[in-house]
Structure formats: structure tokens, C-alpha cells
Amino acid sequence: MPETTNNLPAVTYYTPVELVGIYRNFLERGKSNGVVWLRGIYIQRPSQNNQWAAYYDELRDVDTNTSITLKINRQDRQRLKPNSLVQIGGLIELNPFTNGTIQIVVSVTRFEIIKDEFVTEQDIKRSEIRIAKTKRGFKNVDAVLEDKLFRDERPKVALIFASTSITMADFNVGVNAAAVKIDFTELRQSFGKGASLAAFLKQQDEMKFDTIALIRGGGNGIEALDDIAVLQTVSEMETPIICAIGHVGEELFLKSIADKVAPTPNGLGQYFSEMVERVAAKRNNSRAALVQEVKKQFQKQLEDSNKKNKELLDQIEKMTKQQQEQTKANKENIDKLNEQNKKNLEAQQKKNDEALAKFQAQSKQQMEQSQKQNAALQKQLADLSKSQKESLDKLTEQNKQTNTLLERERQHSRELERQLASKPNYTTTFIIIAIIATVVGFILAQIMK
């Protein structure tokens, strides 16, 4: 919110995030309101050339990580201390970039240091942890526990107490009431040493609890829970964290990065018991609503089913009627076809009988002709056989006679050869040869007949 101061003229001061909103409106209107006064934490940017006439540093919002660029000369920069709470007056400049964006820069003309080292290194580290936690996202503890309870599963919750803490009666009443549905595991650990507590939390993060609750009353030593090691561990844990530490109104940075904060330990016990009751009521209401919904759906399904059954019965009746008509038509067609087939069969049978009688007559005639031809052929064959037999007998007789003559001539020839061998007379030899040739020719002529 805008604030005023009595140390400077009566002007209105803005945080960087407010200035961004104002200047967004200014860009829409297209005009400036002159000198702008800002309040925030002065942050010096490192690695700048000492020969530059002006330096570019930041003015960061106290409550957020939003910042705006300051353009400041060397003399004023030397007078300002890093991490100081300051009030800045200056003119707004616009630095356009080639990518189409415009950087808003405040050219510092005057300033006042409100508090030196307003932000310590520890504060910066805590701020960075909170920013990282915001980017990583906070876990919905209520949703995690309610989901399991609604499904009638027992969530597993680790209750981590300081070693010297004494559990409060009110807290125990709430936890005992919730223990019928939630499995609580009570653990003890010293909260005074950040490193040991951080290591212990890392171990419990691997135990697959549904949530882990840090529980401690208020009083001295509570600031140890804001140790950087503890904050870093809590921000990186996979298991959701519930913070139930201190009294109402006690400031603790750990609460800003916890996934859920209970105002007091007693409030945490009440939180668990109320959650169990709330989920039970939801389940009962859901069960009743489910019954009504099921009845409604069943009634609708029954009506739809009756409607579909009626439609099916109508279709069946229609199909039955069509089937009967079709059956009647088919029967008439079958009767007609049977009558036609009967007529066709009788006509075809008559034709077949006539054809068979004609064929039988033709076959009989052909058989008689064949028998006559066969008888004639048998007679011719018999005559031929007799003639051939007589010729064969004649030839056989002639062969016998020829063989007899041939044998005689052979004997006569051998006799002549013997005589010629004893009396070599060439004339006689030729005569004999001629006679033999004549006899042989006569025999061959007889054979060839």
C-alpha cells in the first residue's frame, strides 16, 4: 500500500510491484506523471565497469522478489550501501529491445537511506529458498489426507516433537479421536541443532509418510527452526510438511515454506479430528447421494429398458406378421412350382418313354442286322479257312516233293563233284553246272508258284 514519510516532502511512495502496475497504466495512457518515488531494498549488481558514468542496480520489493532496474551515477552509488532499505526519487526511462520488449528503468535523482543492511545474507538466502519453494509448488495436505480417508484408507502421519517437549492434553484429545482412521507415528528429535534436524527430516522423507508434522510450543529457542539447513531441507522434501510451532502471532520463516500451518499444536490435534469427522460426513452424504443417484439411474435405465422392450415387441410382432405373409406366399409359390414340376415331369417322362421305345426298336433292328452280318462273316471266314487249308496242304505237298527232288539233286551233284574231282574235264564241268542251275531254277519256280 502507498505510504507517506515525515522526513521528505509529503509525497506518495510505491513499491516496485506497485510501480509496474502504475506504469502499465501509464503506457496505456501514453503519458508520464513526472518524478516517481519508490521504496524498497537497494541491491547492487556485481561485475560492472568502474569507468562507466552510470551503473545499473536493482530496487527490490520488501515482501516479494519483484525488482526494477535503477540507473544511478557513481557518486550516489558509493553513498548507498547494499541491502539497505531506501526511498528513491527519479525519472522513468524506457529502453526498447529488438525482441519487442521495453525495459522500465528509473533514473535516480535523489534518495534517502531508511535503514542500513535491512536485508542480511541470511535473509537473502531465506528469500531465495521461499522463491524456489514457490516455483516448486506447495502440496495440498488436505487433499492428500482427505483422498485416502474418503477411500477408507488409513493415512500415515509422522508427528515429530522436540526432544524436551511435553505433549498437551488438548492435542492428545484431538489426535486420539483421529487415531481411529489415521496411523500416527510419534518421533522425538532435538530442534536446537539445525544440521541434525535437517538430516533427521531427510531420513523421514524416505519413510513414505503421507505427511510429516513438526510440533513444538513457543518460547526461547524457536528461532533455531529458521536455520538455513532446516529451511532448505523442508523446501525440497517430497513429503508434505505441516508446521505446528509456537503461539499465535509468533513469527517464524519456516511457516512461510511449510505446505500447511496450524496456529498451535493444540490446533493441529483439532485439525486431525475435524478432518476425520468432515470426511466421515462427506462419505455419509456421498453415500446417500450415491444411493439416490443409483436409484435415479436405475429408474431411468428401467424406463429405457421398458421402452426398448416395447419397441422390440412391436418389431417382433411386425416381423412375425411379415413372416406369416411371406410363409403363405412361399407356400403358394411352392405349390405352383410343384404343379408345374409335376406337369413337366409327366411330359418329360412321356418323351423319355417314346425315345426309349424308339431306341429299343432301332437297337433290335441294328442287332438283327449285326447278327446277319456276323453270320455272313462267319461263313466267309469258314470258306476262307477251308481254302487256305487246302492251299496250305497243297503247298506242303509241293514242298515235300521239292525237298525230295532237291535231295536227289544234291546227291547227284555230290556224285558229279566226286567224278569231276577224279577227272578234271572243264567242258564237262560247265555242262554239269548248267544242268544244276537248270534244276535249281526249276525247283525255285515250283516253290514260287
Protein backbone atom coordinates (compact mmCIF):
# COMPACT_ATOMS: atom_id res chain seq x y z
CA MET A 1 0.00 0.00 0.00
CA PRO A 2 1.22 3.58 -0.63
CA GLU A 3 2.96 5.06 2.41
CA THR A 4 3.99 8.62 3.45
CA THR A 5 7.01 9.85 5.44
CA ASN A 6 7.73 12.92 7.54
CA ASN A 7 11.43 13.06 6.53
CA LEU A 8 10.74 14.14 2.93
CA PRO A 9 8.12 16.31 1.29
CA ALA A 10 4.59 15.00 1.51
CA VAL A 11 4.69 12.62 -1.41
CA THR A 12 3.36 9.12 -2.10
CA TYR A 13 5.81 6.20 -2.14
CA TYR A 14 5.31 2.95 -4.06
CA THR A 15 6.88 -0.45 -4.01
CA PRO A 16 8.42 -1.80 -7.25
CA VAL A 17 5.50 -4.12 -7.84
CA GLU A 18 3.09 -1.21 -7.49
CA LEU A 19 5.15 0.85 -9.88
CA VAL A 20 4.97 -1.87 -12.52
CA GLY A 21 1.19 -1.77 -12.29
CA ILE A 22 1.11 2.04 -12.41
CA TYR A 23 3.45 2.23 -15.36
CA ARG A 24 1.46 -0.40 -17.22
CA ASN A 25 -1.48 2.02 -16.99
CA PHE A 26 0.82 4.87 -17.99
CA LEU A 27 1.84 3.00 -21.15
CA GLU A 28 -1.81 2.60 -21.99
CA ARG A 29 -2.46 6.33 -21.47
CA GLY A 30 0.72 7.34 -23.27
CA LYS A 31 1.91 10.00 -20.78
CA SER A 32 4.13 10.26 -17.63
CA ASN A 33 3.46 11.79 -14.23
CA GLY A 34 7.00 13.21 -13.76
CA VAL A 35 9.14 12.16 -10.77
CA VAL A 36 8.22 8.84 -9.21
CA TRP A 37 9.04 7.97 -5.59
CA LEU A 38 9.89 4.36 -4.72
CA ARG A 39 10.65 2.44 -1.53
CA GLY A 40 12.47 -0.88 -1.44
CA ILE A 41 15.73 -2.73 -0.81
CA TYR A 42 18.74 -1.47 -2.74
CA ILE A 43 20.65 -4.34 -4.42
CA GLN A 44 24.00 -3.71 -6.11
CA ARG A 45 24.73 -5.72 -9.21
CA PRO A 46 28.30 -7.06 -9.36
CA SER A 47 30.74 -7.09 -12.31
CA GLN A 48 30.20 -3.59 -13.68
CA ASN A 49 32.87 -1.44 -15.31
CA ASN A 50 34.18 1.21 -12.90
CA GLN A 51 34.72 3.58 -15.82
CA TRP A 52 31.04 3.82 -16.61
CA ALA A 53 29.34 7.12 -15.89
CA ALA A 54 26.23 5.32 -14.65
CA TYR A 55 25.55 1.94 -13.07
CA TYR A 56 22.52 -0.34 -13.32
CA ASP A 57 21.42 -1.80 -10.00
CA GLU A 58 18.09 -3.02 -8.58
CA LEU A 59 15.41 -1.88 -6.19
CA ARG A 60 13.71 -5.00 -4.83
CA ASP A 61 10.31 -5.23 -3.16
CA VAL A 62 10.47 -5.94 0.58
CA ASP A 63 7.80 -8.67 0.51
CA THR A 64 8.31 -10.23 -2.92
CA ASN A 65 11.12 -10.90 -5.36
CA THR A 66 9.85 -8.25 -7.77
CA SER A 67 12.51 -5.69 -8.67
CA ILE A 68 13.06 -2.78 -11.01
CA THR A 69 16.27 -1.52 -12.60
CA LEU A 70 17.87 1.65 -11.21
CA LYS A 71 20.18 3.87 -13.23
CA ILE A 72 22.50 5.60 -10.72
CA ASN A 73 25.68 7.68 -11.03
CA ARG A 74 29.00 6.70 -9.45
CA GLN A 75 28.87 9.22 -6.56
CA ASP A 76 25.37 8.23 -5.40
CA ARG A 77 26.21 4.55 -5.77
CA GLN A 78 29.21 4.92 -3.44
CA ARG A 79 26.98 6.55 -0.81
CA LEU A 80 24.39 3.76 -0.91
CA LYS A 81 25.02 0.51 0.96
CA PRO A 82 23.88 -2.84 -0.46
CA ASN A 83 20.79 -4.41 1.13
CA SER A 84 19.66 -1.09 2.64
CA LEU A 85 16.04 -0.01 2.87
CA VAL A 86 15.87 3.20 0.80
CA GLN A 87 13.46 5.69 -0.68
CA ILE A 88 14.27 6.62 -4.26
CA GLY A 89 13.07 9.53 -6.39
CA GLY A 90 13.69 9.51 -10.14
CA LEU A 91 12.52 9.72 -13.69
CA ILE A 92 11.24 6.80 -15.70
CA GLU A 93 13.11 5.82 -18.85
CA LEU A 94 12.07 3.30 -21.49
CA ASN A 95 14.71 1.01 -23.02
CA PRO A 96 13.27 -0.83 -26.04
CA PHE A 97 14.83 -4.11 -27.11
CA THR A 98 14.95 -5.72 -30.54
CA ASN A 99 12.65 -8.53 -29.38
CA GLY A 100 9.81 -6.04 -28.93
CA THR A 101 10.01 -5.72 -25.14
CA ILE A 102 10.50 -2.45 -23.26
CA GLN A 103 12.56 -2.31 -20.06
CA ILE A 104 11.46 0.19 -17.42
CA VAL A 105 14.42 1.96 -15.81
CA VAL A 106 14.28 4.57 -13.01
CA SER A 107 17.00 7.18 -13.37
CA VAL A 108 17.79 8.10 -9.73
CA THR A 109 17.79 11.84 -8.94
CA ARG A 110 17.53 11.65 -5.13
CA PHE A 111 17.38 9.07 -2.36
CA GLU A 112 17.22 8.58 1.40
CA ILE A 113 18.56 5.63 3.39
CA ILE A 114 15.87 4.44 5.80
CA LYS A 115 17.80 1.55 7.34
CA ASP A 116 21.29 0.20 6.68
CA GLU A 117 21.64 -3.52 5.93
CA PHE A 118 17.91 -4.01 6.08
CA VAL A 119 18.42 -7.40 4.47
CA THR A 120 21.11 -9.73 5.79
CA GLU A 121 22.73 -12.56 3.89
CA GLN A 122 20.59 -14.98 5.88
CA ASP A 123 17.50 -13.07 4.82
CA ILE A 124 18.55 -13.24 1.19
CA LYS A 125 19.12 -16.98 1.42
CA ARG A 126 15.74 -17.45 3.10
CA SER A 127 14.12 -15.36 0.39
CA GLU A 128 15.76 -17.48 -2.29
CA ILE A 129 14.52 -20.65 -0.54
CA ARG A 130 10.99 -19.28 -0.44
CA ILE A 131 11.13 -18.33 -4.12
CA ALA A 132 12.41 -21.82 -5.02
CA LYS A 133 9.65 -23.39 -2.91
CA THR A 134 7.06 -21.24 -4.65
CA LYS A 135 8.32 -22.35 -8.05
CA ARG A 136 8.36 -25.97 -6.94
CA GLY A 137 4.85 -25.64 -5.62
CA PHE A 138 3.10 -26.20 -2.31
CA LYS A 139 1.47 -29.56 -1.66
CA ASN A 140 -2.21 -29.78 -0.75
CA VAL A 141 -2.11 -31.57 2.62
CA ASP A 142 -5.88 -31.50 2.99
CA ALA A 143 -6.38 -33.19 -0.38
CA VAL A 144 -3.75 -35.87 0.35
CA LEU A 145 -5.34 -36.87 3.68
CA GLU A 146 -8.98 -36.48 2.61
CA ASP A 147 -8.44 -38.57 -0.51
CA LYS A 148 -7.15 -41.53 1.49
CA LEU A 149 -9.79 -41.17 4.19
CA PHE A 150 -12.54 -40.94 1.61
CA ARG A 151 -11.31 -44.18 0.04
CA ASP A 152 -11.34 -45.74 3.54
CA GLU A 153 -7.55 -45.99 3.61
CA ARG A 154 -5.50 -45.06 6.68
CA PRO A 155 -3.10 -42.14 6.08
CA LYS A 156 0.33 -42.41 7.68
CA VAL A 157 1.32 -39.28 9.62
CA ALA A 158 4.64 -38.69 11.39
CA LEU A 159 4.43 -36.43 14.48
CA ILE A 160 7.92 -35.02 15.18
CA PHE A 161 8.24 -33.43 18.64
CA ALA A 162 11.19 -31.62 20.13
CA SER A 163 13.11 -33.89 22.48
CA THR A 164 12.09 -31.94 25.58
CA SER A 165 8.51 -31.13 24.51
CA ILE A 166 5.58 -32.26 26.64
CA THR A 167 2.50 -33.19 24.63
CA MET A 168 -0.52 -31.12 25.50
CA ALA A 169 -3.73 -32.70 26.70
CA ASP A 170 -5.86 -30.88 24.11
CA PHE A 171 -3.53 -32.06 21.37
CA ASN A 172 -3.76 -35.65 22.58
CA VAL A 173 -7.56 -35.49 22.66
CA GLY A 174 -7.68 -34.43 19.01
CA VAL A 175 -5.11 -36.98 17.88
CA ASN A 176 -6.73 -39.81 19.82
CA ALA A 177 -10.07 -39.02 18.23
CA ALA A 178 -8.49 -39.10 14.78
CA ALA A 179 -6.44 -42.24 15.50
CA VAL A 180 -9.44 -44.42 14.62
CA LYS A 181 -8.81 -43.51 10.96
CA ILE A 182 -5.20 -42.24 10.85
CA ASP A 183 -1.98 -44.08 11.72
CA PHE A 184 0.17 -41.69 13.80
CA THR A 185 3.86 -42.30 14.41
CA GLU A 186 5.36 -40.21 17.26
CA LEU A 187 9.04 -39.29 16.85
CA ARG A 188 11.43 -37.26 19.02
CA GLN A 189 14.28 -35.09 17.76
CA SER A 190 16.25 -32.12 19.04
CA PHE A 191 15.16 -28.86 17.38
CA GLY A 192 18.14 -26.92 18.74
CA LYS A 193 20.68 -28.04 16.12
CA GLY A 194 19.76 -27.22 12.54
CA ALA A 195 22.13 -29.68 10.85
CA SER A 196 20.97 -32.69 12.89
CA LEU A 197 17.29 -31.74 12.46
CA ALA A 198 17.79 -31.36 8.69
CA ALA A 199 19.44 -34.80 8.47
CA PHE A 200 16.62 -36.33 10.54
CA LEU A 201 13.98 -34.78 8.25
CA LYS A 202 15.73 -36.19 5.19
CA GLN A 203 15.58 -39.67 6.74
CA GLN A 204 11.87 -39.36 7.49
CA ASP A 205 11.23 -38.08 3.96
CA GLU A 206 12.30 -41.50 2.70
CA MET A 207 9.89 -43.37 5.03
CA LYS A 208 6.90 -42.83 2.68
CA PHE A 209 4.69 -40.98 5.19
CA ASP A 210 1.67 -39.24 3.75
CA THR A 211 2.58 -36.13 5.73
CA ILE A 212 5.06 -35.04 8.43
CA ALA A 213 4.13 -32.63 11.21
CA LEU A 214 6.70 -30.54 13.12
CA ILE A 215 5.30 -29.84 16.61
CA ARG A 216 6.69 -27.51 19.29
CA GLY A 217 5.41 -24.96 21.72
CA GLY A 218 6.54 -21.34 21.76
CA GLY A 219 9.27 -19.69 23.79
CA ASN A 220 13.04 -19.47 23.67
CA GLY A 221 14.94 -21.41 21.01
CA ILE A 222 12.16 -21.37 18.47
CA GLU A 223 14.33 -19.32 16.10
CA ALA A 224 16.60 -22.36 15.60
CA LEU A 225 13.93 -23.76 13.28
CA ASP A 226 14.75 -20.94 10.84
CA ASP A 227 18.23 -22.37 10.32
CA ILE A 228 19.13 -22.32 6.62
CA ALA A 229 19.82 -26.07 6.56
CA VAL A 230 16.37 -26.82 8.00
CA LEU A 231 14.62 -24.42 5.62
CA GLN A 232 16.47 -25.82 2.60
CA THR A 233 15.57 -29.40 3.58
CA VAL A 234 11.90 -28.59 4.21
CA SER A 235 11.56 -26.79 0.87
CA GLU A 236 12.99 -29.78 -1.02
CA MET A 237 11.10 -32.59 0.76
CA GLU A 238 8.77 -34.80 -1.24
CA THR A 239 6.56 -35.46 1.80
CA PRO A 240 4.11 -32.65 2.65
CA ILE A 241 5.06 -30.71 5.80
CA ILE A 242 2.71 -29.36 8.48
CA CYS A 243 4.11 -26.70 10.78
CA ALA A 244 2.51 -26.53 14.24
CA ILE A 245 5.08 -24.50 16.15
CA GLY A 246 4.86 -21.64 18.65
CA HIS A 247 1.99 -19.49 19.78
CA VAL A 248 -0.44 -17.49 17.67
CA GLY A 249 1.33 -14.38 16.39
CA GLU A 250 4.89 -15.69 16.75
CA GLU A 251 6.81 -15.03 13.56
CA LEU A 252 8.75 -17.91 12.05
CA PHE A 253 10.07 -18.07 8.48
CA LEU A 254 9.57 -21.85 8.43
CA LYS A 255 5.83 -21.26 8.36
CA SER A 256 6.11 -19.46 5.02
CA ILE A 257 7.52 -22.53 3.24
CA ALA A 258 5.51 -25.23 5.04
CA ASP A 259 2.76 -26.88 2.98
CA LYS A 260 0.28 -26.29 5.81
CA VAL A 261 0.44 -24.26 9.03
CA ALA A 262 -1.51 -24.98 12.20
CA PRO A 263 -1.71 -21.97 14.58
CA THR A 264 -0.69 -24.07 17.61
CA PRO A 265 -0.01 -27.72 18.48
CA ASN A 266 -3.49 -27.90 20.02
CA GLY A 267 -4.88 -26.55 16.76
CA LEU A 268 -3.13 -29.40 14.89
CA GLY A 269 -4.85 -32.02 17.06
CA GLN A 270 -8.17 -30.34 16.40
CA TYR A 271 -7.35 -30.22 12.67
CA PHE A 272 -6.90 -34.00 12.51
CA SER A 273 -10.07 -34.77 14.47
CA GLU A 274 -12.17 -32.32 12.44
CA MET A 275 -10.82 -33.73 9.22
CA VAL A 276 -11.84 -37.28 10.18
CA GLU A 277 -15.32 -36.04 11.12
CA ARG A 278 -15.61 -33.96 7.96
CA VAL A 279 -14.61 -36.82 5.67
CA ALA A 280 -16.97 -39.18 7.50
CA ALA A 281 -19.80 -36.71 6.95
CA LYS A 282 -18.83 -36.35 3.30
CA ARG A 283 -18.79 -40.09 2.90
CA ASN A 284 -22.23 -40.41 4.50
CA ASN A 285 -23.61 -37.61 2.38
CA SER A 286 -21.93 -39.04 -0.67
CA ARG A 287 -23.33 -42.48 0.16
CA ALA A 288 -26.86 -41.07 0.45
CA ALA A 289 -26.38 -39.02 -2.69
CA LEU A 290 -24.93 -42.08 -4.39
CA VAL A 291 -27.96 -44.15 -3.39
CA GLN A 292 -30.28 -41.51 -4.79
CA GLU A 293 -28.20 -41.23 -7.92
CA VAL A 294 -28.16 -45.00 -8.31
CA LYS A 295 -31.95 -45.11 -7.82
CA LYS A 296 -32.37 -42.34 -10.34
CA GLN A 297 -30.08 -44.06 -12.82
CA PHE A 298 -31.78 -47.40 -12.20
CA GLN A 299 -35.23 -45.84 -12.73
CA LYS A 300 -34.01 -44.23 -15.93
CA GLN A 301 -32.43 -47.50 -17.08
CA LEU A 302 -35.70 -49.31 -16.22
CA GLU A 303 -37.74 -46.81 -18.21
CA ASP A 304 -35.31 -47.00 -21.11
CA SER A 305 -35.39 -50.78 -20.89
CA ASN A 306 -39.20 -50.87 -20.91
CA LYS A 307 -39.25 -48.51 -23.84
CA LYS A 308 -36.75 -50.63 -25.72
CA ASN A 309 -38.67 -53.81 -24.83
CA LYS A 310 -41.89 -52.30 -26.19
CA GLU A 311 -40.10 -51.27 -29.36
CA LEU A 312 -38.67 -54.78 -29.66
CA LEU A 313 -42.10 -56.36 -29.13
CA ASP A 314 -43.57 -54.12 -31.81
CA GLN A 315 -40.74 -55.06 -34.12
CA ILE A 316 -41.20 -58.76 -33.32
CA GLU A 317 -44.95 -58.53 -33.97
CA LYS A 318 -44.33 -56.74 -37.23
CA MET A 319 -41.67 -59.23 -38.23
CA THR A 320 -43.97 -62.14 -37.25
CA LYS A 321 -46.75 -60.76 -39.43
CA GLN A 322 -44.34 -60.26 -42.30
CA GLN A 323 -43.01 -63.78 -41.75
CA GLN A 324 -46.51 -65.26 -41.88
CA GLU A 325 -47.31 -63.37 -45.05
CA GLN A 326 -44.02 -64.43 -46.54
CA THR A 327 -44.63 -68.05 -45.49
CA LYS A 328 -48.06 -68.02 -47.15
CA ALA A 329 -46.63 -66.51 -50.31
CA ASN A 330 -43.80 -69.06 -50.29
CA LYS A 331 -46.30 -71.93 -49.85
CA GLU A 332 -48.35 -70.73 -52.81
CA ASN A 333 -45.21 -70.41 -54.89
CA ILE A 334 -44.09 -73.88 -53.82
CA ASP A 335 -47.49 -75.39 -54.74
CA LYS A 336 -47.34 -73.72 -58.13
CA LEU A 337 -43.82 -74.93 -58.65
CA ASN A 338 -44.74 -78.47 -57.58
CA GLU A 339 -47.70 -78.50 -60.03
CA GLN A 340 -45.56 -77.15 -62.81
CA ASN A 341 -42.80 -79.62 -61.98
CA LYS A 342 -45.34 -82.47 -62.00
CA LYS A 343 -46.59 -81.48 -65.46
CA ASN A 344 -43.06 -81.03 -66.71
CA LEU A 345 -42.07 -84.38 -65.21
CA GLU A 346 -45.00 -86.21 -66.85
CA ALA A 347 -44.26 -84.59 -70.23
CA GLN A 348 -40.60 -85.39 -69.87
CA GLN A 349 -41.42 -88.97 -68.82
CA LYS A 350 -43.63 -89.41 -71.88
CA LYS A 351 -40.89 -88.12 -74.14
CA ASN A 352 -38.40 -90.40 -72.43
CA ASP A 353 -40.70 -93.44 -72.88
CA GLU A 354 -41.18 -92.65 -76.56
CA ALA A 355 -37.48 -92.12 -77.05
CA LEU A 356 -36.75 -95.38 -75.19
CA ALA A 357 -39.22 -97.37 -77.33
CA LYS A 358 -37.76 -95.87 -80.48
CA PHE A 359 -34.27 -96.60 -79.27
CA GLN A 360 -35.18 -100.18 -78.38
CA ALA A 361 -36.70 -100.73 -81.84
CA GLN A 362 -33.63 -99.27 -83.52
CA SER A 363 -31.41 -101.36 -81.30
CA LYS A 364 -33.36 -104.50 -82.18
CA GLN A 365 -33.12 -103.77 -85.91
CA GLN A 366 -29.40 -102.99 -85.59
CA MET A 367 -28.93 -106.20 -83.60
CA GLU A 368 -30.62 -108.28 -86.28
CA GLN A 369 -28.52 -106.66 -88.98
CA SER A 370 -25.43 -107.23 -86.93
CA GLN A 371 -26.30 -110.87 -86.42
CA LYS A 372 -26.86 -111.36 -90.18
CA GLN A 373 -23.57 -109.64 -91.00
CA ASN A 374 -21.87 -111.75 -88.35
CA ALA A 375 -23.28 -114.95 -89.81
CA ALA A 376 -22.13 -113.93 -93.28
CA LEU A 377 -18.70 -113.08 -91.95
CA GLN A 378 -18.55 -116.40 -90.13
CA LYS A 379 -19.38 -118.22 -93.34
CA GLN A 380 -16.81 -116.22 -95.30
CA LEU A 381 -14.29 -116.93 -92.59
CA ALA A 382 -15.08 -120.64 -92.70
CA ASP A 383 -14.79 -120.71 -96.51
CA LEU A 384 -11.59 -118.75 -96.35
CA SER A 385 -10.18 -121.05 -93.73
CA LYS A 386 -11.04 -124.12 -95.84
CA SER A 387 -9.46 -122.59 -98.97
CA GLN A 388 -6.37 -121.57 -97.03
CA LYS A 389 -6.14 -125.06 -95.54
CA GLU A 390 -6.34 -126.67 -98.96
CA SER A 391 -3.71 -124.26 -100.31
CA LEU A 392 -1.52 -124.93 -97.33
CA ASP A 393 -1.85 -128.66 -97.73
CA LYS A 394 -1.02 -128.32 -101.44
CA LEU A 395 2.00 -126.15 -100.66
CA THR A 396 3.11 -128.58 -98.01
CA GLU A 397 2.89 -131.47 -100.51
CA GLN A 398 4.77 -129.43 -103.11
CA ASN A 399 7.46 -128.60 -100.58
CA LYS A 400 7.83 -132.25 -99.75
CA GLN A 401 8.20 -133.12 -103.40
CA THR A 402 10.60 -130.25 -103.96
CA ASN A 403 12.68 -131.29 -100.98
CA THR A 404 12.78 -134.86 -102.33
CA LEU A 405 13.91 -133.66 -105.72
CA LEU A 406 16.38 -131.27 -104.13
CA GLU A 407 17.84 -134.04 -102.06
CA ARG A 408 18.17 -136.22 -105.12
CA GLU A 409 19.89 -133.45 -106.98
CA ARG A 410 22.22 -132.87 -104.08
CA GLN A 411 23.20 -136.48 -104.11
CA HIS A 412 23.62 -136.37 -107.86
CA SER A 413 25.65 -133.17 -107.50
CA ARG A 414 27.91 -134.75 -104.94
CA GLU A 415 28.34 -137.69 -107.23
CA LEU A 416 29.25 -135.39 -110.09
CA GLU A 417 31.66 -133.49 -107.90
CA ARG A 418 33.27 -136.72 -106.96
CA GLN A 419 33.58 -137.71 -110.56
CA LEU A 420 34.90 -134.35 -111.55
CA ALA A 421 37.37 -134.49 -108.82
CA SER A 422 38.67 -137.72 -110.20
CA LYS A 423 38.52 -136.50 -113.88
CA PRO A 424 39.15 -132.82 -114.41
CA ASN A 425 37.32 -132.00 -117.63
CA TYR A 426 36.33 -128.36 -117.84
CA THR A 427 33.78 -128.81 -120.57
CA THR A 428 32.03 -131.42 -118.65
CA THR A 429 32.20 -129.25 -115.57
CA PHE A 430 30.42 -126.42 -117.28
CA ILE A 431 27.79 -128.76 -118.60
CA ILE A 432 27.18 -130.12 -115.16
CA ILE A 433 26.95 -126.65 -113.69
CA ALA A 434 24.43 -125.68 -116.30
CA ILE A 435 22.38 -128.75 -115.58
CA ILE A 436 22.48 -128.00 -111.87
CA ALA A 437 21.46 -124.42 -112.46
CA THR A 438 18.59 -125.56 -114.61
CA VAL A 439 17.40 -127.98 -111.95
CA VAL A 440 17.70 -125.38 -109.23
CA GLY A 441 15.78 -122.85 -111.32
CA PHE A 442 13.05 -125.41 -111.92
CA ILE A 443 12.80 -126.11 -108.22
CA LEU A 444 12.65 -122.46 -107.36
CA ALA A 445 9.96 -121.89 -109.96
CA GLN A 446 7.94 -124.65 -108.38
CA ILE A 447 8.40 -123.07 -104.97
CA MET A 448 7.35 -119.62 -106.17
CA LYS A 449 4.07 -120.89 -107.63
